[in-house]
N, C-alpha and C. Protein backbone atom coordinates (compact mmCIF):
# COMPACT_ATOMS: atom_id res chain seq x y z
N MET A 1 0.84 -1.18 0.00
CA MET A 1 0.00 0.00 0.00
C MET A 1 0.88 1.23 0.00
N HIS A 2 0.50 2.23 -0.77
CA HIS A 2 1.28 3.46 -0.88
C HIS A 2 0.83 4.46 0.17
N GLU A 3 1.79 5.18 0.70
CA GLU A 3 1.50 6.21 1.67
C GLU A 3 0.95 7.43 0.94
N ARG A 4 -0.07 8.05 1.51
CA ARG A 4 -0.64 9.25 0.90
C ARG A 4 0.32 10.42 1.04
N ARG A 5 0.44 11.21 -0.03
CA ARG A 5 1.24 12.42 0.02
C ARG A 5 0.41 13.53 0.61
N GLN A 6 1.02 14.37 1.36
CA GLN A 6 0.35 15.54 1.91
C GLN A 6 0.34 16.64 0.84
N VAL A 7 -0.65 17.51 0.88
CA VAL A 7 -0.75 18.59 -0.09
C VAL A 7 0.52 19.43 -0.06
N ALA A 8 1.10 19.62 1.12
CA ALA A 8 2.32 20.42 1.24
C ALA A 8 3.48 19.79 0.47
N ASP A 9 3.43 18.49 0.17
CA ASP A 9 4.50 17.79 -0.54
C ASP A 9 4.41 17.98 -2.06
N LEU A 10 3.39 18.61 -2.55
CA LEU A 10 3.23 18.78 -3.99
C LEU A 10 4.22 19.81 -4.51
N ASP A 11 4.89 19.47 -5.61
CA ASP A 11 5.79 20.45 -6.20
C ASP A 11 4.98 21.37 -7.13
N PRO A 12 5.59 22.44 -7.62
CA PRO A 12 4.83 23.38 -8.46
C PRO A 12 4.20 22.74 -9.69
N GLY A 13 4.86 21.74 -10.29
CA GLY A 13 4.28 21.06 -11.45
C GLY A 13 3.03 20.28 -11.08
N ASP A 14 3.05 19.59 -9.92
CA ASP A 14 1.87 18.87 -9.46
C ASP A 14 0.72 19.84 -9.21
N ARG A 15 1.03 20.94 -8.56
CA ARG A 15 -0.01 21.94 -8.26
C ARG A 15 -0.60 22.51 -9.55
N ALA A 16 0.25 22.83 -10.52
CA ALA A 16 -0.23 23.36 -11.80
C ALA A 16 -1.13 22.35 -12.49
N LEU A 17 -0.75 21.09 -12.45
CA LEU A 17 -1.53 20.03 -13.08
C LEU A 17 -2.91 19.91 -12.43
N ILE A 18 -2.94 19.82 -11.12
CA ILE A 18 -4.21 19.68 -10.40
C ILE A 18 -5.11 20.89 -10.67
N ASN A 19 -4.54 22.08 -10.59
CA ASN A 19 -5.35 23.29 -10.80
C ASN A 19 -5.87 23.38 -12.24
N ALA A 20 -5.07 22.96 -13.20
CA ALA A 20 -5.46 23.07 -14.61
C ALA A 20 -6.51 22.05 -15.03
N LEU A 21 -6.50 20.88 -14.41
CA LEU A 21 -7.39 19.80 -14.87
C LEU A 21 -8.74 19.78 -14.16
N GLN A 22 -9.04 20.75 -13.34
CA GLN A 22 -10.35 20.84 -12.73
C GLN A 22 -11.27 21.63 -13.66
N GLY A 23 -12.32 21.00 -14.08
CA GLY A 23 -13.26 21.69 -14.97
C GLY A 23 -13.05 21.32 -16.41
N GLU A 24 -12.54 22.23 -17.18
CA GLU A 24 -12.39 22.03 -18.62
C GLU A 24 -11.29 21.02 -18.92
N PHE A 25 -11.54 20.16 -19.91
CA PHE A 25 -10.52 19.24 -20.40
C PHE A 25 -10.68 19.20 -21.91
N PRO A 26 -9.57 19.29 -22.64
CA PRO A 26 -9.68 19.34 -24.10
C PRO A 26 -10.33 18.09 -24.70
N ILE A 27 -11.11 18.31 -25.71
CA ILE A 27 -11.65 17.20 -26.49
C ILE A 27 -10.97 17.31 -27.85
N SER A 28 -9.99 16.46 -28.04
CA SER A 28 -9.21 16.50 -29.26
C SER A 28 -8.56 15.14 -29.47
N GLU A 29 -7.81 15.03 -30.55
CA GLU A 29 -7.13 13.77 -30.84
C GLU A 29 -6.09 13.44 -29.77
N ARG A 30 -5.44 14.46 -29.21
CA ARG A 30 -4.42 14.25 -28.18
C ARG A 30 -4.70 15.20 -27.01
N PRO A 31 -5.74 14.91 -26.23
CA PRO A 31 -6.13 15.84 -25.16
C PRO A 31 -5.06 16.03 -24.08
N TYR A 32 -4.30 14.98 -23.77
CA TYR A 32 -3.28 15.12 -22.74
C TYR A 32 -2.14 16.01 -23.22
N ALA A 33 -1.79 15.90 -24.49
CA ALA A 33 -0.75 16.77 -25.05
C ALA A 33 -1.22 18.22 -25.03
N GLU A 34 -2.48 18.44 -25.38
CA GLU A 34 -3.03 19.79 -25.39
C GLU A 34 -3.09 20.37 -23.98
N ALA A 35 -3.52 19.57 -23.02
CA ALA A 35 -3.57 20.03 -21.62
C ALA A 35 -2.17 20.31 -21.11
N ALA A 36 -1.22 19.45 -21.44
CA ALA A 36 0.16 19.62 -20.99
C ALA A 36 0.75 20.91 -21.54
N ALA A 37 0.52 21.18 -22.81
CA ALA A 37 1.05 22.40 -23.43
C ALA A 37 0.52 23.64 -22.72
N GLY A 38 -0.72 23.57 -22.27
CA GLY A 38 -1.33 24.71 -21.58
C GLY A 38 -0.69 25.02 -20.24
N ILE A 39 0.03 24.06 -19.65
CA ILE A 39 0.68 24.31 -18.36
C ILE A 39 2.20 24.18 -18.46
N GLY A 40 2.70 24.14 -19.69
CA GLY A 40 4.13 24.17 -19.89
C GLY A 40 4.88 22.89 -19.59
N MET A 41 4.25 21.74 -19.86
CA MET A 41 4.97 20.48 -19.69
C MET A 41 4.67 19.58 -20.87
N SER A 42 5.43 18.50 -20.98
CA SER A 42 5.21 17.56 -22.07
C SER A 42 4.05 16.63 -21.73
N GLU A 43 3.51 16.00 -22.76
CA GLU A 43 2.44 15.03 -22.56
C GLU A 43 2.93 13.89 -21.66
N GLU A 44 4.15 13.43 -21.88
CA GLU A 44 4.71 12.34 -21.08
C GLU A 44 4.81 12.73 -19.62
N GLU A 45 5.26 13.96 -19.34
CA GLU A 45 5.38 14.41 -17.96
C GLU A 45 3.99 14.51 -17.31
N LEU A 46 3.02 15.05 -18.04
CA LEU A 46 1.67 15.14 -17.49
C LEU A 46 1.13 13.76 -17.13
N LEU A 47 1.28 12.80 -18.03
CA LEU A 47 0.77 11.45 -17.77
C LEU A 47 1.51 10.79 -16.59
N GLU A 48 2.82 11.00 -16.50
CA GLU A 48 3.59 10.44 -15.39
C GLU A 48 3.14 11.05 -14.08
N ARG A 49 2.97 12.37 -14.04
CA ARG A 49 2.54 13.05 -12.81
C ARG A 49 1.12 12.61 -12.43
N LEU A 50 0.24 12.54 -13.40
CA LEU A 50 -1.13 12.14 -13.13
C LEU A 50 -1.16 10.72 -12.55
N GLY A 51 -0.40 9.81 -13.14
CA GLY A 51 -0.32 8.45 -12.63
C GLY A 51 0.22 8.39 -11.21
N ARG A 52 1.27 9.16 -10.94
CA ARG A 52 1.87 9.18 -9.60
C ARG A 52 0.91 9.77 -8.58
N LEU A 53 0.23 10.84 -8.93
CA LEU A 53 -0.73 11.46 -8.01
C LEU A 53 -1.88 10.50 -7.67
N ARG A 54 -2.31 9.72 -8.64
CA ARG A 54 -3.35 8.71 -8.40
C ARG A 54 -2.80 7.58 -7.54
N GLU A 55 -1.61 7.10 -7.89
CA GLU A 55 -1.00 5.99 -7.16
C GLU A 55 -0.76 6.35 -5.70
N ASN A 56 -0.35 7.59 -5.44
CA ASN A 56 -0.07 8.04 -4.08
C ASN A 56 -1.32 8.44 -3.31
N GLY A 57 -2.47 8.44 -3.97
CA GLY A 57 -3.71 8.78 -3.28
C GLY A 57 -4.01 10.27 -3.17
N VAL A 58 -3.16 11.11 -3.79
CA VAL A 58 -3.44 12.55 -3.79
C VAL A 58 -4.71 12.79 -4.60
N LEU A 59 -4.81 12.13 -5.76
CA LEU A 59 -6.04 12.14 -6.56
C LEU A 59 -6.65 10.75 -6.45
N THR A 60 -7.91 10.68 -6.13
CA THR A 60 -8.56 9.38 -6.05
C THR A 60 -9.30 9.02 -7.32
N ARG A 61 -9.59 10.02 -8.12
CA ARG A 61 -10.32 9.77 -9.36
C ARG A 61 -9.95 10.84 -10.36
N PHE A 62 -9.80 10.44 -11.62
CA PHE A 62 -9.62 11.38 -12.71
C PHE A 62 -10.43 10.85 -13.87
N GLY A 63 -11.48 11.54 -14.21
CA GLY A 63 -12.32 11.09 -15.30
C GLY A 63 -13.51 12.00 -15.47
N PRO A 64 -14.30 11.75 -16.48
CA PRO A 64 -15.46 12.61 -16.76
C PRO A 64 -16.59 12.37 -15.77
N MET A 65 -17.44 13.37 -15.65
CA MET A 65 -18.67 13.26 -14.89
C MET A 65 -19.81 13.18 -15.91
N PHE A 66 -20.62 12.14 -15.81
CA PHE A 66 -21.72 11.94 -16.75
C PHE A 66 -23.06 12.15 -16.06
N GLN A 67 -24.05 12.59 -16.79
CA GLN A 67 -25.42 12.60 -16.30
C GLN A 67 -25.99 11.25 -16.71
N ILE A 68 -25.78 10.28 -15.85
CA ILE A 68 -26.06 8.88 -16.17
C ILE A 68 -27.54 8.64 -16.46
N GLU A 69 -28.42 9.41 -15.84
CA GLU A 69 -29.85 9.21 -16.07
C GLU A 69 -30.23 9.48 -17.53
N ARG A 70 -29.54 10.42 -18.17
CA ARG A 70 -29.82 10.74 -19.58
C ARG A 70 -29.43 9.59 -20.50
N MET A 71 -28.59 8.69 -19.98
CA MET A 71 -28.15 7.53 -20.77
C MET A 71 -28.87 6.25 -20.33
N GLY A 72 -29.91 6.39 -19.48
CA GLY A 72 -30.68 5.24 -19.05
C GLY A 72 -30.22 4.60 -17.76
N GLY A 73 -29.18 5.15 -17.15
CA GLY A 73 -28.65 4.59 -15.91
C GLY A 73 -29.22 5.28 -14.69
N ALA A 74 -28.59 5.04 -13.55
CA ALA A 74 -29.09 5.62 -12.30
C ALA A 74 -27.96 5.79 -11.29
N PHE A 75 -28.16 6.76 -10.41
CA PHE A 75 -27.32 6.98 -9.23
C PHE A 75 -28.20 6.80 -8.02
N CYS A 76 -27.60 6.39 -6.92
CA CYS A 76 -28.35 6.29 -5.66
C CYS A 76 -27.37 6.41 -4.50
N LEU A 77 -27.69 7.26 -3.55
CA LEU A 77 -26.93 7.34 -2.31
C LEU A 77 -27.43 6.21 -1.42
N ALA A 78 -26.50 5.52 -0.76
CA ALA A 78 -26.88 4.39 0.09
C ALA A 78 -26.03 4.40 1.35
N ALA A 79 -26.52 3.72 2.38
CA ALA A 79 -25.80 3.70 3.65
C ALA A 79 -25.96 2.35 4.33
N LEU A 80 -24.98 2.05 5.18
CA LEU A 80 -25.00 0.83 6.00
C LEU A 80 -24.69 1.20 7.44
N ALA A 81 -25.24 0.44 8.36
CA ALA A 81 -24.85 0.52 9.77
C ALA A 81 -23.90 -0.66 9.98
N VAL A 82 -22.59 -0.35 10.03
CA VAL A 82 -21.58 -1.39 10.08
C VAL A 82 -20.99 -1.49 11.49
N PRO A 83 -21.00 -2.68 12.09
CA PRO A 83 -20.32 -2.83 13.38
C PRO A 83 -18.85 -2.44 13.24
N GLU A 84 -18.36 -1.64 14.17
CA GLU A 84 -17.00 -1.11 14.08
C GLU A 84 -15.96 -2.21 13.88
N ALA A 85 -16.10 -3.32 14.55
CA ALA A 85 -15.13 -4.40 14.45
C ALA A 85 -15.10 -5.02 13.05
N ASP A 86 -16.15 -4.81 12.28
CA ASP A 86 -16.27 -5.42 10.96
C ASP A 86 -16.12 -4.39 9.83
N TYR A 87 -15.80 -3.15 10.19
CA TYR A 87 -15.83 -2.06 9.22
C TYR A 87 -14.91 -2.31 8.02
N GLU A 88 -13.67 -2.69 8.25
CA GLU A 88 -12.72 -2.87 7.14
C GLU A 88 -13.16 -3.99 6.20
N ARG A 89 -13.64 -5.10 6.74
CA ARG A 89 -14.10 -6.22 5.91
C ARG A 89 -15.27 -5.78 5.04
N VAL A 90 -16.23 -5.08 5.64
CA VAL A 90 -17.40 -4.62 4.89
C VAL A 90 -16.98 -3.59 3.83
N ALA A 91 -16.08 -2.68 4.19
CA ALA A 91 -15.62 -1.67 3.22
C ALA A 91 -14.98 -2.34 2.02
N GLU A 92 -14.17 -3.36 2.25
CA GLU A 92 -13.54 -4.08 1.13
C GLU A 92 -14.59 -4.70 0.22
N ARG A 93 -15.60 -5.31 0.80
CA ARG A 93 -16.63 -5.97 -0.01
C ARG A 93 -17.47 -4.97 -0.77
N VAL A 94 -17.83 -3.87 -0.12
CA VAL A 94 -18.64 -2.83 -0.79
C VAL A 94 -17.82 -2.21 -1.92
N ASN A 95 -16.59 -1.83 -1.63
CA ASN A 95 -15.75 -1.15 -2.62
C ASN A 95 -15.34 -2.05 -3.77
N ALA A 96 -15.46 -3.36 -3.60
CA ALA A 96 -15.10 -4.31 -4.67
C ALA A 96 -16.12 -4.30 -5.80
N LEU A 97 -17.33 -3.81 -5.54
CA LEU A 97 -18.35 -3.79 -6.58
C LEU A 97 -18.10 -2.64 -7.55
N PRO A 98 -18.13 -2.90 -8.84
CA PRO A 98 -17.88 -1.83 -9.81
C PRO A 98 -18.95 -0.74 -9.78
N GLN A 99 -20.11 -1.02 -9.22
CA GLN A 99 -21.18 -0.03 -9.16
C GLN A 99 -20.96 1.01 -8.05
N VAL A 100 -20.01 0.77 -7.16
CA VAL A 100 -19.76 1.70 -6.06
C VAL A 100 -18.80 2.79 -6.56
N ALA A 101 -19.35 4.00 -6.67
CA ALA A 101 -18.56 5.11 -7.19
C ALA A 101 -17.59 5.65 -6.15
N HIS A 102 -18.03 5.87 -4.94
CA HIS A 102 -17.16 6.29 -3.86
C HIS A 102 -17.85 6.01 -2.53
N ASN A 103 -17.05 5.99 -1.47
CA ASN A 103 -17.49 5.54 -0.16
C ASN A 103 -17.02 6.53 0.89
N TYR A 104 -17.90 6.84 1.86
CA TYR A 104 -17.58 7.80 2.92
C TYR A 104 -17.79 7.14 4.28
N ARG A 105 -16.92 7.42 5.22
CA ARG A 105 -17.10 6.99 6.60
C ARG A 105 -17.70 8.16 7.37
N ARG A 106 -18.73 7.89 8.16
CA ARG A 106 -19.40 8.93 8.94
C ARG A 106 -19.53 8.50 10.39
N GLU A 107 -19.56 9.49 11.28
CA GLU A 107 -19.80 9.24 12.71
C GLU A 107 -21.31 9.33 12.93
N HIS A 108 -21.98 8.21 12.76
CA HIS A 108 -23.44 8.16 12.82
C HIS A 108 -23.80 6.69 12.91
N ALA A 109 -25.04 6.39 13.30
CA ALA A 109 -25.48 4.99 13.31
C ALA A 109 -25.29 4.37 11.92
N LEU A 110 -25.62 5.14 10.88
CA LEU A 110 -25.32 4.73 9.50
C LEU A 110 -23.92 5.27 9.21
N ASN A 111 -22.91 4.46 9.45
CA ASN A 111 -21.54 4.95 9.42
C ASN A 111 -20.80 4.73 8.10
N MET A 112 -21.40 4.04 7.15
CA MET A 112 -20.79 3.88 5.83
C MET A 112 -21.80 4.34 4.78
N TRP A 113 -21.41 5.38 4.03
CA TRP A 113 -22.23 5.94 2.97
C TRP A 113 -21.50 5.78 1.66
N PHE A 114 -22.23 5.45 0.61
CA PHE A 114 -21.60 5.26 -0.69
C PHE A 114 -22.58 5.61 -1.79
N VAL A 115 -22.05 5.87 -2.96
CA VAL A 115 -22.87 6.19 -4.13
C VAL A 115 -22.82 5.00 -5.08
N LEU A 116 -24.00 4.56 -5.50
CA LEU A 116 -24.12 3.50 -6.50
C LEU A 116 -24.38 4.16 -7.85
N ALA A 117 -23.71 3.68 -8.87
CA ALA A 117 -23.92 4.16 -10.23
C ALA A 117 -24.08 2.92 -11.11
N THR A 118 -25.22 2.83 -11.80
CA THR A 118 -25.50 1.64 -12.61
C THR A 118 -25.92 2.04 -14.02
N GLU A 119 -25.74 1.11 -14.94
CA GLU A 119 -26.06 1.36 -16.34
C GLU A 119 -27.55 1.40 -16.61
N THR A 120 -28.34 0.77 -15.74
CA THR A 120 -29.80 0.77 -15.88
C THR A 120 -30.42 1.13 -14.54
N ARG A 121 -31.66 1.59 -14.57
CA ARG A 121 -32.36 1.91 -13.32
C ARG A 121 -32.52 0.66 -12.46
N GLU A 122 -32.76 -0.48 -13.10
CA GLU A 122 -32.94 -1.74 -12.38
C GLU A 122 -31.64 -2.20 -11.72
N GLY A 123 -30.53 -1.72 -12.23
CA GLY A 123 -29.23 -2.11 -11.70
C GLY A 123 -29.02 -1.69 -10.25
N ILE A 124 -29.70 -0.64 -9.82
CA ILE A 124 -29.58 -0.20 -8.42
C ILE A 124 -30.05 -1.31 -7.49
N GLY A 125 -31.21 -1.88 -7.77
CA GLY A 125 -31.73 -2.98 -6.94
C GLY A 125 -30.80 -4.18 -6.94
N ASP A 126 -30.23 -4.49 -8.10
CA ASP A 126 -29.29 -5.61 -8.21
C ASP A 126 -28.04 -5.34 -7.36
N ALA A 127 -27.52 -4.11 -7.42
CA ALA A 127 -26.33 -3.76 -6.65
C ALA A 127 -26.61 -3.81 -5.15
N ILE A 128 -27.77 -3.32 -4.75
CA ILE A 128 -28.15 -3.38 -3.34
C ILE A 128 -28.24 -4.82 -2.87
N ALA A 129 -28.86 -5.67 -3.66
CA ALA A 129 -28.97 -7.10 -3.31
C ALA A 129 -27.59 -7.73 -3.20
N ALA A 130 -26.68 -7.38 -4.10
CA ALA A 130 -25.32 -7.94 -4.05
C ALA A 130 -24.58 -7.49 -2.79
N ILE A 131 -24.75 -6.24 -2.41
CA ILE A 131 -24.09 -5.73 -1.20
C ILE A 131 -24.68 -6.41 0.04
N GLU A 132 -25.98 -6.54 0.08
CA GLU A 132 -26.60 -7.20 1.23
C GLU A 132 -26.14 -8.65 1.33
N ALA A 133 -26.04 -9.34 0.20
CA ALA A 133 -25.58 -10.74 0.21
C ALA A 133 -24.12 -10.83 0.64
N ALA A 134 -23.29 -9.89 0.20
CA ALA A 134 -21.85 -9.93 0.50
C ALA A 134 -21.54 -9.53 1.94
N THR A 135 -22.39 -8.67 2.52
CA THR A 135 -22.09 -8.14 3.85
C THR A 135 -22.97 -8.67 4.97
N GLY A 136 -24.17 -9.16 4.61
CA GLY A 136 -25.12 -9.58 5.64
C GLY A 136 -25.80 -8.40 6.32
N LEU A 137 -25.67 -7.21 5.74
CA LEU A 137 -26.24 -6.00 6.33
C LEU A 137 -27.32 -5.42 5.42
N VAL A 138 -28.23 -4.68 6.01
CA VAL A 138 -29.31 -4.04 5.26
C VAL A 138 -28.79 -2.73 4.65
N VAL A 139 -28.99 -2.57 3.36
CA VAL A 139 -28.62 -1.33 2.67
C VAL A 139 -29.81 -0.38 2.75
N HIS A 140 -29.55 0.85 3.20
CA HIS A 140 -30.55 1.91 3.23
C HIS A 140 -30.33 2.76 1.99
N ALA A 141 -31.29 2.77 1.08
CA ALA A 141 -31.15 3.48 -0.19
C ALA A 141 -31.87 4.82 -0.14
N PHE A 142 -31.23 5.84 -0.68
CA PHE A 142 -31.77 7.19 -0.73
C PHE A 142 -31.71 7.69 -2.17
N PRO A 143 -32.72 7.34 -2.97
CA PRO A 143 -32.69 7.76 -4.38
C PRO A 143 -32.78 9.29 -4.51
N LYS A 144 -32.23 9.79 -5.59
CA LYS A 144 -32.23 11.22 -5.85
C LYS A 144 -33.66 11.68 -6.18
N GLU A 145 -34.08 12.75 -5.50
CA GLU A 145 -35.38 13.35 -5.79
C GLU A 145 -35.25 14.57 -6.68
N ARG A 146 -34.18 15.35 -6.46
CA ARG A 146 -33.90 16.55 -7.24
C ARG A 146 -32.41 16.60 -7.48
N GLU A 147 -32.01 17.29 -8.53
CA GLU A 147 -30.58 17.43 -8.83
C GLU A 147 -30.18 18.89 -8.72
N TYR A 148 -29.04 19.10 -8.10
CA TYR A 148 -28.45 20.42 -7.97
C TYR A 148 -27.03 20.35 -8.52
N PHE A 149 -26.58 21.41 -9.13
CA PHE A 149 -25.21 21.46 -9.61
C PHE A 149 -24.47 22.50 -8.81
N VAL A 150 -23.45 22.08 -8.09
CA VAL A 150 -22.60 22.96 -7.33
C VAL A 150 -21.17 22.71 -7.80
N GLU A 151 -20.60 23.67 -8.48
CA GLU A 151 -19.23 23.49 -8.95
C GLU A 151 -18.26 23.94 -7.87
N MET A 152 -17.30 23.09 -7.59
CA MET A 152 -16.30 23.42 -6.60
C MET A 152 -14.93 23.12 -7.18
N ARG A 153 -14.09 24.09 -7.17
CA ARG A 153 -12.71 23.90 -7.64
C ARG A 153 -11.80 24.20 -6.46
N LEU A 154 -10.83 23.32 -6.27
CA LEU A 154 -9.89 23.46 -5.16
C LEU A 154 -8.53 23.87 -5.69
N LYS A 155 -7.92 24.84 -5.07
CA LYS A 155 -6.57 25.27 -5.44
C LYS A 155 -5.58 24.39 -4.70
N ALA A 156 -4.68 23.76 -5.45
CA ALA A 156 -3.66 22.93 -4.83
C ALA A 156 -2.46 23.78 -4.46
């Protein structure tokens, strides 16, 4: 397992990369080369830095955000009440499912929260059933009622 880098450990190139890749990303034949040129580095350096930042846990995800419902899929916020002694085992099983987009630990009776993303609306029920079978715990599902867009950009 790799140790997470602290934000203070980022060099100026890492900071420029993180700041530049939030929001707009080129749509072209060579988007990484185009993005790299915009921050004064080579495509190879950008890809190496991006890979290292992901490997070290500084970035946990790099990819597009889709409105999955427009493509026939679904998102759902879900939660589990996990006994503390079993938390790591349950987290491994939940996170192993490809439908789990991300997972949060909370100080609450429902102490594990995660987002399910599926290719079909019916896939949410299938994912919930798979999690319940894998963990022996009841999944509390909170389907989206309304959508809000809040853009947040963080300066590295």
